[in-house]
């Protein structure tokens, strides 16, 4: 599945490229998830919980399902 160039966010794309150059192959969608988790970890400063992880993952899945439904 491809994400249109105009829909790509610079922050996500840079993380994806950096991870791939370090031979940690991740997709654009996976890089998006990593950034969402990282942002929440920074915000909570060590108080990250299972609930936080589930919320992030659920919202991430919904966002990508919506994106691909629109693209179809």
Protein backbone atom coordinates (compact mmCIF):
# COMPACT_ATOMS: atom_id res chain seq x y z
CA UNK A 1 0.00 0.00 0.00
CA UNK A 2 1.35 3.34 -0.99
CA UNK A 3 0.95 6.68 0.67
CA UNK A 4 0.78 9.60 -1.74
CA UNK A 5 3.84 11.84 -1.64
CA UNK A 6 1.69 14.89 -0.86
CA UNK A 7 0.21 13.06 2.16
CA UNK A 8 3.57 12.20 3.70
CA UNK A 9 4.78 14.10 6.75
CA UNK A 10 8.42 15.12 6.85
CA UNK A 11 8.99 13.93 10.44
CA UNK A 12 7.68 10.44 9.66
CA UNK A 13 9.55 10.21 6.38
CA UNK A 14 12.88 11.17 8.00
CA UNK A 15 12.45 8.57 10.73
CA UNK A 16 11.55 5.92 8.15
CA UNK A 17 14.59 6.75 6.01
CA UNK A 18 16.92 6.81 9.03
CA UNK A 19 15.66 3.47 10.31
CA UNK A 20 16.03 1.90 6.88
CA UNK A 21 19.59 3.26 6.50
CA UNK A 22 20.37 1.64 9.87
CA UNK A 23 19.03 -1.62 8.41
CA UNK A 24 15.91 -1.55 10.58
CA UNK A 25 13.40 -1.73 7.78
CA UNK A 26 10.15 -0.03 8.71
CA UNK A 27 7.28 1.13 6.58
CA UNK A 28 5.90 4.65 6.59
CA UNK A 29 2.98 3.46 8.70
CA UNK A 30 5.30 1.78 11.22
CA UNK A 31 7.41 4.94 11.45
CA UNK A 32 4.21 6.86 12.20
CA UNK A 33 3.43 4.46 15.05
CA UNK A 34 6.96 4.78 16.45
CA UNK A 35 6.66 8.57 16.50
CA UNK A 36 3.27 8.44 18.20
CA UNK A 37 4.68 6.17 20.91
CA UNK A 38 7.81 8.29 21.29
CA UNK A 39 5.76 11.47 21.64
CA UNK A 40 3.60 9.92 24.36
CA UNK A 41 6.68 8.60 26.18
CA UNK A 42 8.19 12.11 26.19
CA UNK A 43 4.92 13.59 27.44
CA UNK A 44 4.40 11.07 30.24
CA UNK A 45 8.06 10.93 31.32
CA UNK A 46 8.13 7.31 32.42
CA UNK A 47 4.47 6.91 33.36
CA UNK A 48 3.58 5.16 30.11
CA UNK A 49 1.03 2.41 30.73
CA UNK A 50 -0.53 -0.49 28.90
CA UNK A 51 -3.62 1.69 28.47
CA UNK A 52 -1.52 4.33 26.70
CA UNK A 53 -0.11 1.71 24.36
CA UNK A 54 -3.55 0.35 23.53
CA UNK A 55 -4.97 3.84 22.94
CA UNK A 56 -2.11 4.77 20.61
CA UNK A 57 -2.34 1.54 18.65
CA UNK A 58 -6.13 1.73 18.32
CA UNK A 59 -6.07 5.35 17.10
CA UNK A 60 -3.18 4.56 14.71
CA UNK A 61 -5.12 1.63 13.20
CA UNK A 62 -8.25 3.73 12.84
CA UNK A 63 -6.35 6.54 11.14
CA UNK A 64 -4.72 4.21 8.59
CA UNK A 65 -7.93 2.29 7.92
CA UNK A 66 -9.65 5.62 7.26
CA UNK A 67 -6.80 6.75 4.98
CA UNK A 68 -6.90 3.59 2.88
CA UNK A 69 -10.71 3.62 2.74
CA UNK A 70 -10.59 7.14 1.30
CA UNK A 71 -7.89 6.09 -1.20
CA UNK A 72 -9.87 3.08 -2.42
